[in-house]
C-alpha cells in the first residue's frame, strides 16, 4: 500500500494504491461528500488478492485532499468528474476499470459516455441513472412535494425521515456529536435487513473525523451541484461502450430500483441484486460484491 498526494491542474488529491502495478488497474470512486477510506479495507484486499491493482482517493474537499474557499474558487460536479481523469493521469494510466459507488457511479457513467477510451469496464454500485436527476427527486421527497410522473423512484420512508430531521436540526457542535451523527446516518444507509455493526461504524467514523483537513468542507459538494444543476446529460447511456455491471441491494434505502433503470439503458449491462444489502458494503456482502467485480474486470492473459 502506497499513499500519494497528487497535484494535477492545481487540484490536490489524496490517493492510495494497493497491489502489483503490473496487474489490471481498478479505480474506486466514492460517492458525494465521502472519503475514499469508506471503501472497506477487506473489500479492497479481496480485489488485490484477486490480481487487481487498486487505487482509491479522497474527492476534493474531503479527507486529506485539498480544500478550497468555494466563494473565491467555485467548482461544479463536472470538475469533480474531471478529478477521476486527473487520478488516472497522475498514475500514468490510459484507462482503468472504474468502480463507482452512489454519486461515484454517476461520475463513472459520465466518464464512460464522454471518454470511452479511458474506461475498460464500468461497475456502478447503489447509484442512479445519468440524466435521471436523482437530486431533484431527493429534494422533492425531503420537502414533501409530489413526484412528477416518470421520475425516478423516491427514497424509502426511513431515509427521507432521517434526512428531513437532519436538515431541520442544528449541525453537530462537538466531535462526539459529529461522530454520533455519522453513525446514525450509517445505520439508515445500512438498510433494514442486515445487522448493523455499531462498533465497527464508530471506528470508521472516528477515522473519517480525524483524517479530514476540514470536515465542514464537504458541503461544497452540495454547492457544486447547485452551481451546475444541469450537468447530467439525458438520453446518453445508450452510448456507453464499456462492459457494465450494475449492483444494487435488495434493501437499498436511497435509490431503490435505480439499478434496473441503469442496466436497462446501457447496452448489454448486467444487473446484480445483492440480497439484504442496503446502500453500504457491510461485512456480510463484501465478498460477493468483490467477487462479482473480479469476474467483471477479468482480462485475457497473454
C-alpha atoms as a PDB file:
ATOM      1  CA  UNK A   1       0.000   0.000   0.000  1.00  0.00           C
ATOM      2  CA  UNK A   2       1.335   3.410  -1.007  1.00  0.00           C
ATOM      3  CA  UNK A   3      -0.196   6.808  -0.271  1.00  0.00           C
ATOM      4  CA  UNK A   4       0.316   9.690  -2.694  1.00  0.00           C
ATOM      5  CA  UNK A   5      -0.750  13.321  -2.593  1.00  0.00           C
ATOM      6  CA  UNK A   6      -1.029  14.264  -6.238  1.00  0.00           C
ATOM      7  CA  UNK A   7      -1.396  17.741  -7.685  1.00  0.00           C
ATOM      8  CA  UNK A   8      -2.850  17.985 -11.179  1.00  0.00           C
ATOM      9  CA  UNK A   9      -4.052  21.290 -12.629  1.00  0.00           C
ATOM     10  CA  UNK A  10      -3.736  22.818  -9.172  1.00  0.00           C
ATOM     11  CA  UNK A  11      -6.085  20.234  -7.647  1.00  0.00           C
ATOM     12  CA  UNK A  12      -4.585  18.369  -4.676  1.00  0.00           C
ATOM     13  CA  UNK A  13      -5.951  14.844  -4.265  1.00  0.00           C
ATOM     14  CA  UNK A  14      -5.004  12.201  -1.707  1.00  0.00           C
ATOM     15  CA  UNK A  15      -4.706   8.768  -3.298  1.00  0.00           C
ATOM     16  CA  UNK A  16      -3.799   5.294  -2.117  1.00  0.00           C
ATOM     17  CA  UNK A  17      -2.554   2.397  -4.242  1.00  0.00           C
ATOM     18  CA  UNK A  18      -2.637  -1.328  -3.466  1.00  0.00           C
ATOM     19  CA  UNK A  19      -1.343  -4.387  -5.289  1.00  0.00           C
ATOM     20  CA  UNK A  20       1.040  -5.138  -8.125  1.00  0.00           C
ATOM     21  CA  UNK A  21       1.436  -2.207 -10.570  1.00  0.00           C
ATOM     22  CA  UNK A  22       1.508  -4.730 -13.411  1.00  0.00           C
ATOM     23  CA  UNK A  23      -1.970  -6.013 -12.596  1.00  0.00           C
ATOM     24  CA  UNK A  24      -5.141  -4.606 -14.215  1.00  0.00           C
ATOM     25  CA  UNK A  25      -5.966  -1.242 -12.597  1.00  0.00           C
ATOM     26  CA  UNK A  26      -9.228  -0.680 -10.751  1.00  0.00           C
ATOM     27  CA  UNK A  27     -10.095   2.888  -9.747  1.00  0.00           C
ATOM     28  CA  UNK A  28     -12.594   3.150  -6.888  1.00  0.00           C
ATOM     29  CA  UNK A  29     -14.725   6.319  -6.943  1.00  0.00           C
ATOM     30  CA  UNK A  30     -16.675   7.027  -3.749  1.00  0.00           C
ATOM     31  CA  UNK A  31     -19.922   8.990  -3.505  1.00  0.00           C
ATOM     32  CA  UNK A  32     -20.651  12.627  -2.767  1.00  0.00           C
ATOM     33  CA  UNK A  33     -19.084  14.136   0.361  1.00  0.00           C
ATOM     34  CA  UNK A  34     -17.391  10.800   1.086  1.00  0.00           C
ATOM     35  CA  UNK A  35     -13.751   9.922   1.724  1.00  0.00           C
ATOM     36  CA  UNK A  36     -12.006   7.163  -0.166  1.00  0.00           C
ATOM     37  CA  UNK A  37     -11.463   5.176   3.028  1.00  0.00           C
ATOM     38  CA  UNK A  38     -15.163   4.337   3.004  1.00  0.00           C
ATOM     39  CA  UNK A  39     -14.167   1.606   0.566  1.00  0.00           C
ATOM     40  CA  UNK A  40     -13.690  -1.142   3.192  1.00  0.00           C
ATOM     41  CA  UNK A  41     -10.187  -2.495   3.717  1.00  0.00           C
ATOM     42  CA  UNK A  42     -11.413  -6.088   3.397  1.00  0.00           C
ATOM     43  CA  UNK A  43     -13.148  -5.292   0.124  1.00  0.00           C
ATOM     44  CA  UNK A  44     -10.019  -3.661  -1.289  1.00  0.00           C
ATOM     45  CA  UNK A  45      -7.908  -6.571  -0.040  1.00  0.00           C
ATOM     46  CA  UNK A  46     -10.079  -9.127  -1.803  1.00  0.00           C
ATOM     47  CA  UNK A  47      -9.731  -7.260  -5.100  1.00  0.00           C
ATOM     48  CA  UNK A  48      -5.949  -7.146  -4.632  1.00  0.00           C
ATOM     49  CA  UNK A  49      -5.824 -10.844  -3.747  1.00  0.00           C
ATOM     50  CA  UNK A  50      -7.770 -11.472  -6.954  1.00  0.00           C
ATOM     51  CA  UNK A  51      -4.996  -9.915  -9.013  1.00  0.00           C
ATOM     52  CA  UNK A  52      -6.008  -6.280  -9.304  1.00  0.00           C
ATOM     53  CA  UNK A  53      -4.097  -3.057  -8.800  1.00  0.00           C
ATOM     54  CA  UNK A  54      -6.500  -0.950  -6.758  1.00  0.00           C
ATOM     55  CA  UNK A  55      -6.484   2.834  -6.388  1.00  0.00           C
ATOM     56  CA  UNK A  56      -8.829   4.827  -4.186  1.00  0.00           C
ATOM     57  CA  UNK A  57      -8.834   8.553  -3.475  1.00  0.00           C
ATOM     58  CA  UNK A  58     -10.448  11.341  -1.494  1.00  0.00           C
ATOM     59  CA  UNK A  59     -12.590  13.710  -3.517  1.00  0.00           C
ATOM     60  CA  UNK A  60     -11.614  17.367  -3.347  1.00  0.00           C
ATOM     61  CA  UNK A  61     -12.921  18.931  -0.129  1.00  0.00           C
ATOM     62  CA  UNK A  62     -12.976  15.564   1.641  1.00  0.00           C
ATOM     63  CA  UNK A  63     -10.454  13.730   3.816  1.00  0.00           C
ATOM     64  CA  UNK A  64      -6.820  14.554   3.147  1.00  0.00           C
ATOM     65  CA  UNK A  65      -7.418  16.097  -0.253  1.00  0.00           C
ATOM     66  CA  UNK A  66      -7.205  19.839  -0.690  1.00  0.00           C
ATOM     67  CA  UNK A  67      -9.987  22.144   0.446  1.00  0.00           C
ATOM     68  CA  UNK A  68     -10.972  25.421  -1.138  1.00  0.00           C
ATOM     69  CA  UNK A  69     -12.679  28.684  -0.367  1.00  0.00           C
ATOM     70  CA  UNK A  70     -15.718  27.958  -2.513  1.00  0.00           C
ATOM     71  CA  UNK A  71     -16.767  31.606  -2.741  1.00  0.00           C
ATOM     72  CA  UNK A  72     -13.360  32.531  -4.151  1.00  0.00           C
ATOM     73  CA  UNK A  73     -12.828  29.357  -6.206  1.00  0.00           C
ATOM     74  CA  UNK A  74     -16.172  27.753  -7.048  1.00  0.00           C
ATOM     75  CA  UNK A  75     -16.384  24.495  -8.954  1.00  0.00           C
ATOM     76  CA  UNK A  76     -19.068  22.160 -10.288  1.00  0.00           C
ATOM     77  CA  UNK A  77     -19.672  18.431 -10.475  1.00  0.00           C
ATOM     78  CA  UNK A  78     -18.090  18.476 -13.916  1.00  0.00           C
ATOM     79  CA  UNK A  79     -14.842  19.433 -12.162  1.00  0.00           C
ATOM     80  CA  UNK A  80     -15.310  16.582  -9.679  1.00  0.00           C
ATOM     81  CA  UNK A  81     -15.825  14.289 -12.676  1.00  0.00           C
ATOM     82  CA  UNK A  82     -12.585  15.534 -14.206  1.00  0.00           C
ATOM     83  CA  UNK A  83     -10.805  14.576 -10.968  1.00  0.00           C
ATOM     84  CA  UNK A  84     -11.385  10.937 -11.966  1.00  0.00           C
ATOM     85  CA  UNK A  85      -9.291  11.595 -15.056  1.00  0.00           C
ATOM     86  CA  UNK A  86      -6.720  13.534 -13.039  1.00  0.00           C
ATOM     87  CA  UNK A  87      -6.116  10.490 -10.854  1.00  0.00           C
ATOM     88  CA  UNK A  88      -5.696   8.277 -13.920  1.00  0.00           C
ATOM     89  CA  UNK A  89      -3.282  10.806 -15.416  1.00  0.00           C
ATOM     90  CA  UNK A  90      -1.249  11.030 -12.214  1.00  0.00           C
ATOM     91  CA  UNK A  91      -0.721   7.279 -12.259  1.00  0.00           C
ATOM     92  CA  UNK A  92       0.107   7.225 -15.962  1.00  0.00           C
ATOM     93  CA  UNK A  93      -2.976   5.158 -16.799  1.00  0.00           C
ATOM     94  CA  UNK A  94      -4.511   5.490 -20.212  1.00  0.00           C
ATOM     95  CA  UNK A  95      -7.515   3.525 -18.968  1.00  0.00           C
ATOM     96  CA  UNK A  96      -8.784   1.600 -15.967  1.00  0.00           C
ATOM     97  CA  UNK A  97     -11.702  -0.401 -14.671  1.00  0.00           C
ATOM     98  CA  UNK A  98     -13.969   2.178 -12.988  1.00  0.00           C
ATOM     99  CA  UNK A  99     -15.970   1.174  -9.910  1.00  0.00           C
ATOM    100  CA  UNK A 100     -18.246   3.902  -8.562  1.00  0.00           C
ATOM    101  CA  UNK A 101     -20.491   3.945  -5.520  1.00  0.00           C
ATOM    102  CA  UNK A 102     -23.580   6.168  -5.299  1.00  0.00           C
ATOM    103  CA  UNK A 103     -22.645   9.542  -6.845  1.00  0.00           C
ATOM    104  CA  UNK A 104     -19.324   7.933  -7.768  1.00  0.00           C
ATOM    105  CA  UNK A 105     -21.315   5.636 -10.035  1.00  0.00           C
ATOM    106  CA  UNK A 106     -22.882   8.682 -11.644  1.00  0.00           C
ATOM    107  CA  UNK A 107     -19.402  10.091 -12.274  1.00  0.00           C
ATOM    108  CA  UNK A 108     -18.357   6.764 -13.759  1.00  0.00           C
ATOM    109  CA  UNK A 109     -21.301   6.796 -16.144  1.00  0.00           C
ATOM    110  CA  UNK A 110     -20.432  10.311 -17.286  1.00  0.00           C
ATOM    111  CA  UNK A 111     -16.774   9.438 -17.848  1.00  0.00           C
ATOM    112  CA  UNK A 112     -17.837   6.335 -19.790  1.00  0.00           C
ATOM    113  CA  UNK A 113     -20.004   8.498 -22.055  1.00  0.00           C
ATOM    114  CA  UNK A 114     -17.524  11.319 -22.578  1.00  0.00           C
ATOM    115  CA  UNK A 115     -14.220   9.442 -22.539  1.00  0.00           C
ATOM    116  CA  UNK A 116     -14.947   5.837 -23.521  1.00  0.00           C
ATOM    117  CA  UNK A 117     -11.295   5.155 -24.343  1.00  0.00           C
ATOM    118  CA  UNK A 118     -10.405   5.560 -20.663  1.00  0.00           C
ATOM    119  CA  UNK A 119     -12.893   3.042 -19.274  1.00  0.00           C
ATOM    120  CA  UNK A 120     -12.086  -0.661 -19.621  1.00  0.00           C
ATOM    121  CA  UNK A 121     -15.180  -1.709 -17.711  1.00  0.00           C
ATOM    122  CA  UNK A 122     -17.705   0.141 -15.592  1.00  0.00           C
ATOM    123  CA  UNK A 123     -19.181  -1.057 -12.309  1.00  0.00           C
ATOM    124  CA  UNK A 124     -21.921   1.006 -10.688  1.00  0.00           C
ATOM    125  CA  UNK A 125     -22.986   0.308  -7.088  1.00  0.00           C
ATOM    126  CA  UNK A 126     -26.033   1.859  -5.388  1.00  0.00           C
ATOM    127  CA  UNK A 127     -26.293   4.600  -7.977  1.00  0.00           C
ATOM    128  CA  UNK A 128     -28.846   6.379 -10.158  1.00  0.00           C
ATOM    129  CA  UNK A 129     -29.014   6.609 -13.949  1.00  0.00           C
ATOM    130  CA  UNK A 130     -27.228   9.516 -15.559  1.00  0.00           C
ATOM    131  CA  UNK A 131     -29.811  12.054 -16.672  1.00  0.00           C
ATOM    132  CA  UNK A 132     -32.365  10.928 -14.096  1.00  0.00           C
ATOM    133  CA  UNK A 133     -31.779  13.978 -11.879  1.00  0.00           C
ATOM    134  CA  UNK A 134     -31.854  11.980  -8.666  1.00  0.00           C
ATOM    135  CA  UNK A 135     -31.011  15.118  -6.681  1.00  0.00           C
ATOM    136  CA  UNK A 136     -34.309  16.724  -7.687  1.00  0.00           C
ATOM    137  CA  UNK A 137     -36.205  13.577  -6.692  1.00  0.00           C
ATOM    138  CA  UNK A 138     -34.480  13.658  -3.300  1.00  0.00           C
ATOM    139  CA  UNK A 139     -35.269  17.322  -2.692  1.00  0.00           C
ATOM    140  CA  UNK A 140     -38.942  16.801  -3.553  1.00  0.00           C
ATOM    141  CA  UNK A 141     -39.035  13.871  -1.123  1.00  0.00           C
ATOM    142  CA  UNK A 142     -37.410  15.906   1.643  1.00  0.00           C
ATOM    143  CA  UNK A 143     -39.770  18.825   1.167  1.00  0.00           C
ATOM    144  CA  UNK A 144     -42.903  16.702   0.822  1.00  0.00           C
ATOM    145  CA  UNK A 145     -43.559  17.651  -2.797  1.00  0.00           C
ATOM    146  CA  UNK A 146     -45.223  15.139  -5.140  1.00  0.00           C
ATOM    147  CA  UNK A 147     -43.013  13.340  -7.627  1.00  0.00           C
ATOM    148  CA  UNK A 148     -43.871  14.006 -11.292  1.00  0.00           C
ATOM    149  CA  UNK A 149     -44.959  11.053 -13.376  1.00  0.00           C
ATOM    150  CA  UNK A 150     -41.972   9.281 -14.893  1.00  0.00           C
ATOM    151  CA  UNK A 151     -39.451  10.466 -12.308  1.00  0.00           C
ATOM    152  CA  UNK A 152     -37.098   8.092 -10.532  1.00  0.00           C
ATOM    153  CA  UNK A 153     -38.417   6.051  -7.586  1.00  0.00           C
ATOM    154  CA  UNK A 154     -38.051   8.137  -4.414  1.00  0.00           C
ATOM    155  CA  UNK A 155     -36.025   7.097  -1.360  1.00  0.00           C
ATOM    156  CA  UNK A 156     -37.559   4.788   1.214  1.00  0.00           C
ATOM    157  CA  UNK A 157     -39.507   6.476   4.041  1.00  0.00           C
ATOM    158  CA  UNK A 158     -36.855   5.790   6.701  1.00  0.00           C
ATOM    159  CA  UNK A 159     -34.239   7.508   4.550  1.00  0.00           C
ATOM    160  CA  UNK A 160     -36.435  10.532   3.920  1.00  0.00           C
ATOM    161  CA  UNK A 161     -37.399  10.794   7.602  1.00  0.00           C
ATOM    162  CA  UNK A 162     -33.763  10.772   8.758  1.00  0.00           C
ATOM    163  CA  UNK A 163     -32.556  13.446   6.359  1.00  0.00           C
ATOM    164  CA  UNK A 164     -35.621  15.622   6.847  1.00  0.00           C
ATOM    165  CA  UNK A 165     -34.894  15.684  10.574  1.00  0.00           C
ATOM    166  CA  UNK A 166     -31.178  16.237   9.954  1.00  0.00           C
ATOM    167  CA  UNK A 167     -31.878  19.281   7.782  1.00  0.00           C
ATOM    168  CA  UNK A 168     -34.126  20.765  10.444  1.00  0.00           C
ATOM    169  CA  UNK A 169     -31.701  20.105  13.313  1.00  0.00           C
ATOM    170  CA  UNK A 170     -28.715  22.276  14.273  1.00  0.00           C
ATOM    171  CA  UNK A 171     -25.382  20.974  12.965  1.00  0.00           C
ATOM    172  CA  UNK A 172     -23.275  18.891  15.354  1.00  0.00           C
ATOM    173  CA  UNK A 173     -21.234  21.160  17.619  1.00  0.00           C
ATOM    174  CA  UNK A 174     -18.677  18.720  19.052  1.00  0.00           C
ATOM    175  CA  UNK A 175     -16.564  15.801  17.918  1.00  0.00           C
ATOM    176  CA  UNK A 176     -18.832  13.395  19.775  1.00  0.00           C
ATOM    177  CA  UNK A 177     -21.983  14.828  18.229  1.00  0.00           C
ATOM    178  CA  UNK A 178     -20.472  14.672  14.743  1.00  0.00           C
ATOM    179  CA  UNK A 179     -19.452  11.047  15.145  1.00  0.00           C
ATOM    180  CA  UNK A 180     -22.852  10.133  16.567  1.00  0.00           C
ATOM    181  CA  UNK A 181     -24.476  11.788  13.522  1.00  0.00           C
ATOM    182  CA  UNK A 182     -22.263   9.763  11.178  1.00  0.00           C
ATOM    183  CA  UNK A 183     -23.215   6.538  12.959  1.00  0.00           C
ATOM    184  CA  UNK A 184     -26.919   7.375  12.842  1.00  0.00           C
ATOM    185  CA  UNK A 185     -26.648   8.094   9.118  1.00  0.00           C
ATOM    186  CA  UNK A 186     -24.781   4.843   8.503  1.00  0.00           C
ATOM    187  CA  UNK A 187     -27.481   2.923  10.382  1.00  0.00           C
ATOM    188  CA  UNK A 188     -30.106   4.231   7.940  1.00  0.00           C
ATOM    189  CA  UNK A 189     -27.905   3.577   4.901  1.00  0.00           C
ATOM    190  CA  UNK A 190     -27.244   0.032   6.103  1.00  0.00           C
ATOM    191  CA  UNK A 191     -30.856  -0.851   5.352  1.00  0.00           C
ATOM    192  CA  UNK A 192     -33.257  -2.866   7.431  1.00  0.00           C
ATOM    193  CA  UNK A 193     -32.258  -6.452   6.640  1.00  0.00           C
ATOM    194  CA  UNK A 194     -28.671  -6.867   7.832  1.00  0.00           C
ATOM    195  CA  UNK A 195     -27.420  -6.380  11.405  1.00  0.00           C
ATOM    196  CA  UNK A 196     -25.717  -3.030  11.956  1.00  0.00           C
ATOM    197  CA  UNK A 197     -22.212  -3.211  13.442  1.00  0.00           C
ATOM    198  CA  UNK A 198     -22.153  -0.051  15.534  1.00  0.00           C
ATOM    199  CA  UNK A 199     -18.674  -0.681  16.960  1.00  0.00           C
ATOM    200  CA  UNK A 200     -17.128  -1.038  13.500  1.00  0.00           C
ATOM    201  CA  UNK A 201     -19.004   2.011  12.270  1.00  0.00           C
ATOM    202  CA  UNK A 202     -17.800   4.059  15.230  1.00  0.00           C
ATOM    203  CA  UNK A 203     -14.187   3.177  14.446  1.00  0.00           C
ATOM    204  CA  UNK A 204     -14.715   4.212  10.835  1.00  0.00           C
ATOM    205  CA  UNK A 205     -16.457   7.459  11.816  1.00  0.00           C
ATOM    206  CA  UNK A 206     -13.606   8.336  14.160  1.00  0.00           C
ATOM    207  CA  UNK A 207     -11.129   7.698  11.365  1.00  0.00           C
ATOM    208  CA  UNK A 208     -13.101   9.866   8.955  1.00  0.00           C
ATOM    209  CA  UNK A 209     -13.253  12.650  11.524  1.00  0.00           C
ATOM    210  CA  UNK A 210      -9.564  12.537  12.424  1.00  0.00           C
ATOM    211  CA  UNK A 211      -8.184  12.428   8.887  1.00  0.00           C
ATOM    212  CA  UNK A 212     -10.282  15.268   7.495  1.00  0.00           C
ATOM    213  CA  UNK A 213      -8.458  18.534   6.865  1.00  0.00           C
ATOM    214  CA  UNK A 214     -11.780  20.349   7.261  1.00  0.00           C
ATOM    215  CA  UNK A 215     -14.826  18.159   7.854  1.00  0.00           C
ATOM    216  CA  UNK A 216     -17.192  21.050   7.091  1.00  0.00           C
ATOM    217  CA  UNK A 217     -15.736  21.454   3.587  1.00  0.00           C
ATOM    218  CA  UNK A 218     -17.810  18.529   2.291  1.00  0.00           C
ATOM    219  CA  UNK A 219     -20.816  20.860   1.976  1.00  0.00           C
ATOM    220  CA  UNK A 220     -19.027  22.346  -1.032  1.00  0.00           C
ATOM    221  CA  UNK A 221     -20.178  19.281  -2.974  1.00  0.00           C
ATOM    222  CA  UNK A 222     -23.761  20.432  -2.470  1.00  0.00           C
ATOM    223  CA  UNK A 223     -22.823  23.918  -3.568  1.00  0.00           C
ATOM    224  CA  UNK A 224     -21.104  22.441  -6.622  1.00  0.00           C
ATOM    225  CA  UNK A 225     -24.305  20.607  -7.537  1.00  0.00           C
ATOM    226  CA  UNK A 226     -26.346  23.784  -7.101  1.00  0.00           C
ATOM    227  CA  UNK A 227     -23.874  25.719  -9.243  1.00  0.00           C
ATOM    228  CA  UNK A 228     -24.462  23.406 -12.196  1.00  0.00           C
ATOM    229  CA  UNK A 229     -27.793  21.612 -11.738  1.00  0.00           C
ATOM    230  CA  UNK A 230     -27.970  20.593 -15.384  1.00  0.00           C
ATOM    231  CA  UNK A 231     -24.634  18.814 -15.570  1.00  0.00           C
ATOM    232  CA  UNK A 232     -26.273  15.454 -16.279  1.00  0.00           C
ATOM    233  CA  UNK A 233     -26.901  14.891 -19.991  1.00  0.00           C
ATOM    234  CA  UNK A 234     -30.107  12.988 -20.717  1.00  0.00           C
ATOM    235  CA  UNK A 235     -30.596  10.048 -23.032  1.00  0.00           C
ATOM    236  CA  UNK A 236     -26.897   9.234 -23.430  1.00  0.00           C
ATOM    237  CA  UNK A 237     -26.479   5.949 -21.554  1.00  0.00           C
ATOM    238  CA  UNK A 238     -27.046   4.082 -24.804  1.00  0.00           C
ATOM    239  CA  UNK A 239     -23.646   5.451 -25.867  1.00  0.00           C
ATOM    240  CA  UNK A 240     -21.762   3.605 -23.117  1.00  0.00           C
ATOM    241  CA  UNK A 241     -19.381   1.157 -24.771  1.00  0.00           C
ATOM    242  CA  UNK A 242     -17.684  -0.265 -21.682  1.00  0.00           C
ATOM    243  CA  UNK A 243     -18.968  -3.600 -20.387  1.00  0.00           C
ATOM    244  CA  UNK A 244     -21.112  -2.560 -17.424  1.00  0.00           C
ATOM    245  CA  UNK A 245     -22.050  -4.258 -14.175  1.00  0.00           C
ATOM    246  CA  UNK A 246     -24.790  -2.642 -12.096  1.00  0.00           C
ATOM    247  CA  UNK A 247     -25.048  -3.669  -8.432  1.00  0.00           C
ATOM    248  CA  UNK A 248     -27.913  -2.815  -6.115  1.00  0.00           C
ATOM    249  CA  UNK A 249     -29.010  -4.146  -2.743  1.00  0.00           C
ATOM    250  CA  UNK A 250     -32.482  -5.553  -2.310  1.00  0.00           C
ATOM    251  CA  UNK A 251     -32.871  -3.207   0.682  1.00  0.00           C
ATOM    252  CA  UNK A 252     -31.420  -0.072  -0.944  1.00  0.00           C
ATOM    253  CA  UNK A 253     -32.867   2.882   1.044  1.00  0.00           C
ATOM    254  CA  UNK A 254     -31.601   5.826  -1.007  1.00  0.00           C
ATOM    255  CA  UNK A 255     -32.088   4.851  -4.643  1.00  0.00           C
ATOM    256  CA  UNK A 256     -34.402   1.829  -4.702  1.00  0.00           C
ATOM    257  CA  UNK A 257     -34.954   0.411  -8.168  1.00  0.00           C
ATOM    258  CA  UNK A 258     -32.493   2.769  -9.835  1.00  0.00           C
ATOM    259  CA  UNK A 259     -30.058  -0.013 -10.690  1.00  0.00           C
ATOM    260  CA  UNK A 260     -32.528  -1.728 -13.001  1.00  0.00           C
ATOM    261  CA  UNK A 261     -33.035   1.539 -14.870  1.00  0.00           C
ATOM    262  CA  UNK A 262     -29.285   1.925 -15.407  1.00  0.00           C
ATOM    263  CA  UNK A 263     -28.949  -1.652 -16.621  1.00  0.00           C
ATOM    264  CA  UNK A 264     -31.882  -1.236 -18.999  1.00  0.00           C
ATOM    265  CA  UNK A 265     -30.386   1.906 -20.530  1.00  0.00           C
ATOM    266  CA  UNK A 266     -26.832   0.625 -21.124  1.00  0.00           C
ATOM    267  CA  UNK A 267     -26.497  -1.929 -23.922  1.00  0.00           C
ATOM    268  CA  UNK A 268     -25.518  -5.358 -22.613  1.00  0.00           C
ATOM    269  CA  UNK A 269     -25.309  -4.257 -18.969  1.00  0.00           C
ATOM    270  CA  UNK A 270     -25.621  -6.898 -16.258  1.00  0.00           C
ATOM    271  CA  UNK A 271     -27.710  -6.273 -13.130  1.00  0.00           C
ATOM    272  CA  UNK A 272     -26.736  -7.963  -9.855  1.00  0.00           C
ATOM    273  CA  UNK A 273     -29.186  -7.669  -6.974  1.00  0.00           C
ATOM    274  CA  UNK A 274     -27.424  -8.439  -3.696  1.00  0.00           C
ATOM    275  CA  UNK A 275     -29.731  -9.951  -1.141  1.00  0.00           C
ATOM    276  CA  UNK A 276     -30.324  -7.871   2.004  1.00  0.00           C
ATOM    277  CA  UNK A 277     -27.734  -5.206   1.087  1.00  0.00           C
ATOM    278  CA  UNK A 278     -28.618  -1.568   1.663  1.00  0.00           C
ATOM    279  CA  UNK A 279     -26.593   1.410   0.431  1.00  0.00           C
ATOM    280  CA  UNK A 280     -23.365   0.337   2.125  1.00  0.00           C
ATOM    281  CA  UNK A 281     -20.855  -2.503   1.825  1.00  0.00           C
ATOM    282  CA  UNK A 282     -21.102  -4.242   5.207  1.00  0.00           C
ATOM    283  CA  UNK A 283     -19.059  -7.312   6.028  1.00  0.00           C
ATOM    284  CA  UNK A 284     -21.862  -9.697   5.067  1.00  0.00           C
ATOM    285  CA  UNK A 285     -21.812  -8.722   1.364  1.00  0.00           C
ATOM    286  CA  UNK A 286     -18.231  -7.625   0.680  1.00  0.00           C
ATOM    287  CA  UNK A 287     -17.009 -10.932  -0.671  1.00  0.00           C
ATOM    288  CA  UNK A 288     -19.988 -11.328  -3.002  1.00  0.00           C
ATOM    289  CA  UNK A 289     -19.611  -7.823  -4.406  1.00  0.00           C
ATOM    290  CA  UNK A 290     -15.815  -8.054  -4.720  1.00  0.00           C
ATOM    291  CA  UNK A 291     -16.014 -11.438  -6.453  1.00  0.00           C
ATOM    292  CA  UNK A 292     -18.563 -10.086  -8.924  1.00  0.00           C
ATOM    293  CA  UNK A 293     -16.215  -7.198  -9.732  1.00  0.00           C
ATOM    294  CA  UNK A 294     -13.282  -9.586 -10.144  1.00  0.00           C
ATOM    295  CA  UNK A 295     -15.255 -11.607 -12.666  1.00  0.00           C
ATOM    296  CA  UNK A 296     -16.375  -8.464 -14.461  1.00  0.00           C
ATOM    297  CA  UNK A 297     -12.855  -6.998 -14.677  1.00  0.00           C
ATOM    298  CA  UNK A 298     -11.089 -10.190 -15.711  1.00  0.00           C
ATOM    299  CA  UNK A 299      -8.744  -9.542 -18.632  1.00  0.00           C
ATOM    300  CA  UNK A 300      -7.350 -12.048 -21.132  1.00  0.00           C
ATOM    301  CA  UNK A 301      -3.909 -13.341 -20.225  1.00  0.00           C
ATOM    302  CA  UNK A 302      -1.121 -13.254 -22.759  1.00  0.00           C
END
